[in-house]
Amino acid sequence: MKTLRELLAQPGIIRSIGAHDVFSALMVQEAGLETVFLGGFGVSASHLGVPDIGLTTLTEMTDAVRRMAGRLKIPLVADGDTGHGDLHNVQRTVRDFEKAGAAGILIEDQVNPKRCGHFAGKQIVSTREWLDRLKAALDARNSNDFILIARTDSRALEGIQAAIDRANMAKEIGADVCFIEAPQSLEELALIPKQVKHPLLANMLTGGVTPIVTAGELESMGYKIVVCPIESLMVFASALRRLLKCFKEHGRVDLPEAGQMATFSEIKKILGLDDFLSISQRVGPSK
C-alpha cells in the first residue's frame, strides 16, 4: 500500500469519496480510488443518526477509524474536527487516529463544538489559536508519514483573502496540505491555488455552497486532493427510499421499481468471503 505522503509526491490528483461505514469504504477501494475519506458528517449520520453539529465524541470517531482502516488497503483520511477540545485533546486525537490506522487527519479552525462547513452559523477561533492547534498536532504525530491537513472555515466569516492568508500561515508552520472550506465561486476556486503554493484539498459537496467541477479541472487549477464527502450517504438514502417504497406498495423488492441492486454474489465478493473461508487452506491442518 502506498502511503498518503507517497501519493502526494506523485503526479496527478488524489481522488477520495467519503465513506459512511466500512462497507462503503470497501466499495470505494474496489472502485480503484486512491484514498477513502471518513468525515464527521458520515459518522454522525450512520452511527448516531444525528446531524454534523459536533455531537460525535473522540472515542466514537476513533472507533470508526479503527474499524475502517482495519479493512482497507488504501490510505484513510479522517476528520479530526477541532481536535475535540484544548491542545491536549488535539494531541490525543492525533495519536489515537494514528494508532487506529489513519493515514492523515484534518484539523480545523472552528470553535468547539463545530458544525458542517456548509451549514450556516459557523464560528471560528483566532488565527493564533488555530495555528497552536496545528503545532500541537504536528508535535503529537509518531511518524512523518501521518499527514496533517489544515482546514480553515474562515471564508464564510472573513472572506476569501483572509482564508488564503490563514492557509499560507498553516503552510509556514509545516502543515502538509491546506484546505479552504466552502469557496463560493469558480473564481475563488481558481484563486486559491494561485496564492497558496502548497498541496491543496478541494471539497466537492453536492448541494453545498461551492460550485462542482471535475477532478481534472481541479487538477488543472492546481489542487492535489479532491473529496466528495457525503455522496455515498446521499446515494444510499435515495436507493433505500426507493427500495422501501417498492416493498410497501408491492410486498416484494425483486422488481424494477426497487432499483438496480448488487447481486448476492457481488456482496460476498466485496466482503471478501472467499478469503475468510480459505483460512484453513492457508494455515494448514493442525498437528
Protein backbone atom coordinates (compact mmCIF):
# COMPACT_ATOMS: atom_id res chain seq x y z
CA MET A 1 0.00 0.00 0.00
CA LYS A 2 1.30 3.44 -0.90
CA THR A 3 1.34 5.93 1.94
CA LEU A 4 -0.56 9.16 1.60
CA ARG A 5 2.75 11.03 1.55
CA GLU A 6 3.89 8.94 -1.42
CA LEU A 7 0.65 9.77 -3.23
CA LEU A 8 1.19 13.46 -2.51
CA ALA A 9 4.65 13.27 -4.08
CA GLN A 10 3.41 11.65 -7.29
CA PRO A 11 1.87 13.45 -10.28
CA GLY A 12 -1.90 13.58 -10.60
CA ILE A 13 -4.81 14.43 -8.37
CA ILE A 14 -5.78 12.17 -5.46
CA ARG A 15 -9.46 11.21 -5.58
CA SER A 16 -11.39 10.45 -2.42
CA ILE A 17 -15.00 9.61 -1.64
CA GLY A 18 -16.43 9.94 1.84
CA ALA A 19 -17.44 6.53 3.20
CA HIS A 20 -20.11 6.47 5.89
CA ASP A 21 -19.37 2.90 7.03
CA VAL A 22 -16.87 0.10 6.44
CA PHE A 23 -18.88 -1.49 3.64
CA SER A 24 -19.00 1.74 1.64
CA ALA A 25 -15.26 2.16 2.27
CA LEU A 26 -14.63 -1.28 0.78
CA MET A 27 -16.61 -0.25 -2.29
CA VAL A 28 -14.52 2.92 -2.67
CA GLN A 29 -11.41 0.75 -2.54
CA GLU A 30 -12.86 -1.75 -5.03
CA ALA A 31 -13.55 1.12 -7.45
CA GLY A 32 -9.83 1.93 -7.56
CA LEU A 33 -9.81 5.35 -5.91
CA GLU A 34 -6.59 6.35 -4.20
CA THR A 35 -7.96 7.14 -0.73
CA VAL A 36 -11.04 6.93 1.47
CA PHE A 37 -12.31 9.87 3.49
CA LEU A 38 -14.03 9.39 6.85
CA GLY A 39 -15.88 12.57 7.75
CA GLY A 40 -17.75 13.65 10.83
CA PHE A 41 -20.96 14.05 8.80
CA GLY A 42 -20.96 10.40 7.72
CA VAL A 43 -20.19 9.11 11.20
CA SER A 44 -22.81 11.38 12.80
CA ALA A 45 -25.47 10.20 10.35
CA SER A 46 -24.67 6.49 10.10
CA HIS A 47 -23.58 5.74 13.66
CA LEU A 48 -25.74 8.15 15.66
CA GLY A 49 -28.48 9.30 13.30
CA VAL A 50 -27.78 12.96 14.12
CA PRO A 51 -26.59 15.96 12.05
CA ASP A 52 -22.97 17.07 11.92
CA ILE A 53 -23.02 19.65 14.71
CA GLY A 54 -20.23 18.32 16.91
CA LEU A 55 -22.12 15.55 18.70
CA THR A 56 -19.69 12.73 17.92
CA THR A 57 -17.03 12.09 20.55
CA LEU A 58 -13.34 11.38 20.03
CA THR A 59 -13.89 7.78 21.15
CA GLU A 60 -16.68 7.28 18.62
CA MET A 61 -14.60 8.75 15.79
CA THR A 62 -11.52 6.73 16.75
CA ASP A 63 -13.56 3.52 16.83
CA ALA A 64 -14.89 4.34 13.35
CA VAL A 65 -11.32 4.95 12.12
CA ARG A 66 -10.13 1.65 13.60
CA ARG A 67 -12.93 -0.41 12.07
CA MET A 68 -12.49 1.18 8.65
CA ALA A 69 -8.69 1.24 8.49
CA GLY A 70 -8.58 -2.38 9.61
CA ARG A 71 -10.33 -3.48 6.42
CA LEU A 72 -8.63 -1.18 3.90
CA LYS A 73 -5.52 -1.47 1.78
CA ILE A 74 -5.60 2.18 0.65
CA PRO A 75 -4.96 5.21 2.89
CA LEU A 76 -7.76 6.53 5.09
CA VAL A 77 -8.01 10.25 5.81
CA ALA A 78 -10.08 11.01 8.91
CA ASP A 79 -11.81 14.14 10.13
CA GLY A 80 -10.35 15.36 13.42
CA ASP A 81 -12.73 18.34 13.59
CA THR A 82 -11.40 20.90 16.09
CA GLY A 83 -9.28 18.32 17.89
CA HIS A 84 -12.10 17.66 20.40
CA GLY A 85 -11.01 20.22 22.98
CA ASP A 86 -7.87 22.06 24.07
CA LEU A 87 -4.33 21.43 22.87
CA HIS A 88 -4.00 18.29 25.00
CA ASN A 89 -7.13 16.93 23.32
CA VAL A 90 -5.75 17.83 19.90
CA GLN A 91 -2.66 15.78 20.62
CA ARG A 92 -4.71 12.88 21.90
CA THR A 93 -6.87 12.99 18.77
CA VAL A 94 -3.82 12.81 16.52
CA ARG A 95 -2.25 9.97 18.50
CA ASP A 96 -5.49 7.99 18.69
CA PHE A 97 -6.22 8.35 14.96
CA GLU A 98 -2.67 7.42 14.01
CA LYS A 99 -2.68 4.34 16.25
CA ALA A 100 -6.09 3.38 14.86
CA GLY A 101 -4.64 3.24 11.35
CA ALA A 102 -5.50 6.58 9.72
CA ALA A 103 -3.04 7.92 7.16
CA GLY A 104 -3.94 11.54 7.78
CA ILE A 105 -6.14 13.90 9.77
CA LEU A 106 -7.99 17.18 9.24
CA ILE A 107 -7.78 19.81 11.98
CA GLU A 108 -9.94 22.91 11.54
CA ASP A 109 -10.33 26.38 12.98
CA GLN A 110 -13.97 26.31 14.06
CA VAL A 111 -14.94 26.79 17.67
CA ASN A 112 -15.80 23.68 19.64
CA PRO A 113 -18.33 22.14 19.09
CA LYS A 114 -18.11 22.56 15.33
CA ARG A 115 -20.70 22.12 12.60
CA CYS A 116 -20.66 21.05 8.96
CA GLY A 117 -18.67 23.53 6.88
CA HIS A 118 -21.63 24.16 4.59
CA PHE A 119 -24.07 24.91 7.45
CA ALA A 120 -24.92 28.47 8.43
CA GLY A 121 -23.86 29.88 11.78
CA LYS A 122 -20.25 28.69 11.87
CA GLN A 123 -17.80 30.41 14.20
CA ILE A 124 -14.01 30.30 14.12
CA VAL A 125 -11.24 30.73 16.65
CA SER A 126 -8.45 33.27 16.28
CA THR A 127 -5.66 32.60 13.82
CA ARG A 128 -3.21 32.16 16.69
CA GLU A 129 -5.40 29.58 18.41
CA TRP A 130 -5.79 27.60 15.19
CA LEU A 131 -2.07 27.67 14.47
CA ASP A 132 -1.45 26.43 18.01
CA ARG A 133 -3.79 23.51 17.30
CA LEU A 134 -1.81 22.68 14.17
CA LYS A 135 1.53 22.94 16.00
CA ALA A 136 0.21 20.63 18.72
CA ALA A 137 -0.96 18.17 16.06
CA LEU A 138 2.40 18.17 14.31
CA ASP A 139 4.18 17.65 17.62
CA ALA A 140 1.96 14.69 18.52
CA ARG A 141 2.33 12.51 15.44
CA ASN A 142 4.57 9.49 15.70
CA SER A 143 5.54 9.28 12.02
CA ASN A 144 6.09 11.93 9.37
CA ASP A 145 4.08 9.68 7.04
CA PHE A 146 1.00 10.74 9.02
CA ILE A 147 -0.39 13.72 7.09
CA LEU A 148 -1.81 16.87 8.68
CA ILE A 149 -4.45 18.67 6.62
CA ALA A 150 -5.06 22.20 7.89
CA ARG A 151 -8.67 23.22 7.29
CA THR A 152 -9.93 26.77 7.62
CA ASP A 153 -13.60 27.77 7.61
CA SER A 154 -12.76 31.47 7.64
CA ARG A 155 -14.08 32.13 4.11
CA ALA A 156 -17.66 32.27 5.36
CA LEU A 157 -16.88 34.78 8.11
CA GLU A 158 -13.91 36.87 6.96
CA GLY A 159 -13.78 36.47 3.18
CA ILE A 160 -11.61 34.60 0.70
CA GLN A 161 -8.44 36.64 1.20
CA ALA A 162 -8.47 36.07 4.94
CA ALA A 163 -8.88 32.34 4.31
CA ILE A 164 -5.96 32.37 1.88
CA ASP A 165 -3.83 34.19 4.46
CA ARG A 166 -4.69 31.59 7.09
CA ALA A 167 -3.82 28.76 4.70
CA ASN A 168 -0.43 30.30 3.97
CA MET A 169 0.29 30.63 7.68
CA ALA A 170 -0.59 26.96 8.14
CA LYS A 171 1.80 26.13 5.32
CA GLU A 172 4.59 28.09 7.02
CA ILE A 173 4.34 26.14 10.27
CA GLY A 174 4.52 22.79 8.49
CA ALA A 175 1.02 21.58 7.63
CA ASP A 176 1.25 19.02 4.82
CA VAL A 177 -1.94 20.02 3.00
CA CYS A 178 -4.13 23.13 3.16
CA PHE A 179 -7.91 23.09 2.84
CA ILE A 180 -10.02 26.22 2.47
CA GLU A 181 -13.57 25.10 3.11
CA ALA A 182 -16.54 26.38 1.10
CA PRO A 183 -15.24 28.82 -1.52
CA GLN A 184 -18.32 30.33 -3.12
CA SER A 185 -17.48 30.74 -6.81
CA LEU A 186 -15.38 29.37 -9.65
CA GLU A 187 -13.25 32.50 -9.38
CA GLU A 188 -12.48 31.76 -5.73
CA LEU A 189 -11.69 28.12 -6.51
CA ALA A 190 -9.22 29.25 -9.16
CA LEU A 191 -7.70 31.99 -6.98
CA ILE A 192 -6.73 29.73 -4.09
CA PRO A 193 -4.02 27.68 -5.90
CA LYS A 194 -2.58 30.87 -7.35
CA GLN A 195 -1.99 32.31 -3.89
CA VAL A 196 -1.36 29.16 -1.82
CA LYS A 197 1.63 27.31 -3.30
CA HIS A 198 1.16 24.12 -1.33
CA PRO A 199 -0.76 20.85 -1.75
CA LEU A 200 -4.44 21.77 -1.62
CA LEU A 201 -7.64 19.86 -0.91
CA ALA A 202 -10.94 20.74 -2.58
CA ASN A 203 -14.27 19.67 -1.12
CA MET A 204 -16.93 18.93 -3.77
CA LEU A 205 -20.11 18.65 -1.71
CA THR A 206 -23.16 18.17 -3.91
CA GLY A 207 -25.69 20.80 -2.84
CA GLY A 208 -23.13 22.82 -0.90
CA VAL A 209 -22.03 26.41 -1.50
CA THR A 210 -19.02 25.54 -3.67
CA PRO A 211 -19.52 25.07 -7.44
CA ILE A 212 -18.92 21.49 -8.57
CA VAL A 213 -16.16 20.91 -11.12
CA THR A 214 -14.42 17.75 -12.26
CA ALA A 215 -11.30 16.25 -10.73
CA GLY A 216 -9.47 17.03 -13.95
CA GLU A 217 -10.47 20.70 -13.79
CA LEU A 218 -9.35 20.92 -10.17
CA GLU A 219 -6.02 19.36 -11.07
CA SER A 220 -5.58 21.93 -13.85
CA MET A 221 -6.26 24.69 -11.32
CA GLY A 222 -3.56 23.30 -9.03
CA TYR A 223 -5.38 21.16 -6.46
CA LYS A 224 -3.86 17.89 -5.22
CA ILE A 225 -6.79 16.17 -3.46
CA VAL A 226 -10.50 16.18 -4.27
CA VAL A 227 -13.05 14.81 -1.81
CA CYS A 228 -16.75 14.11 -2.37
CA PRO A 229 -17.58 13.94 1.34
CA ILE A 230 -21.11 12.58 1.85
CA GLU A 231 -22.29 11.48 -1.59
CA SER A 232 -22.20 7.79 -0.61
CA LEU A 233 -24.69 8.65 2.12
CA MET A 234 -26.83 10.58 -0.36
CA VAL A 235 -26.93 7.67 -2.81
CA PHE A 236 -27.70 5.22 -0.01
CA ALA A 237 -30.61 7.35 1.20
CA SER A 238 -32.09 7.66 -2.28
CA ALA A 239 -31.70 3.98 -3.15
CA LEU A 240 -33.07 2.74 0.17
CA ARG A 241 -36.06 5.08 -0.06
CA ARG A 242 -36.88 3.58 -3.46
CA LEU A 243 -36.49 0.03 -2.15
CA LEU A 244 -38.74 0.73 0.83
CA LYS A 245 -41.40 2.32 -1.37
CA CYS A 246 -41.41 -0.74 -3.63
CA PHE A 247 -41.74 -3.13 -0.69
CA LYS A 248 -44.52 -1.08 0.86
CA GLU A 249 -46.50 -0.92 -2.39
CA HIS A 250 -45.84 -4.39 -3.83
CA GLY A 251 -44.85 -6.57 -0.88
CA ARG A 252 -41.58 -7.61 -2.55
CA VAL A 253 -38.34 -5.93 -3.61
CA ASP A 254 -37.18 -8.01 -6.59
CA LEU A 255 -38.93 -5.65 -9.03
CA PRO A 256 -37.64 -2.86 -11.32
CA GLU A 257 -39.40 -0.32 -9.13
CA ALA A 258 -36.94 -1.13 -6.33
CA GLY A 259 -34.00 -0.01 -8.41
CA GLN A 260 -30.96 -1.94 -9.54
CA MET A 261 -29.35 -3.97 -6.78
CA ALA A 262 -25.97 -5.60 -6.45
CA THR A 263 -26.23 -9.36 -6.55
CA PHE A 264 -25.70 -11.53 -3.51
CA SER A 265 -22.54 -12.84 -5.15
CA GLU A 266 -21.21 -9.32 -5.61
CA ILE A 267 -21.84 -8.50 -1.96
CA LYS A 268 -19.95 -11.61 -0.87
CA LYS A 269 -17.04 -10.67 -3.12
CA ILE A 270 -16.85 -7.12 -1.74
CA LEU A 271 -16.78 -8.51 1.78
CA GLY A 272 -14.02 -10.98 0.88
CA LEU A 273 -15.94 -14.11 1.83
CA ASP A 274 -13.66 -16.48 -0.08
CA ASP A 275 -10.60 -15.15 1.75
CA PHE A 276 -12.25 -15.78 5.10
CA LEU A 277 -13.40 -19.27 4.15
CA SER A 278 -9.99 -20.29 2.80
CA ILE A 279 -8.14 -19.71 6.06
CA SER A 280 -7.86 -23.43 6.77
CA GLN A 281 -6.14 -24.00 3.40
CA ARG A 282 -3.75 -21.10 4.03
CA VAL A 283 -2.92 -22.02 7.60
CA GLY A 284 -2.95 -25.79 7.12
CA PRO A 285 -4.31 -28.58 9.33
CA SER A 286 -3.39 -28.69 12.98
CA LYS A 287 -0.99 -31.40 14.08
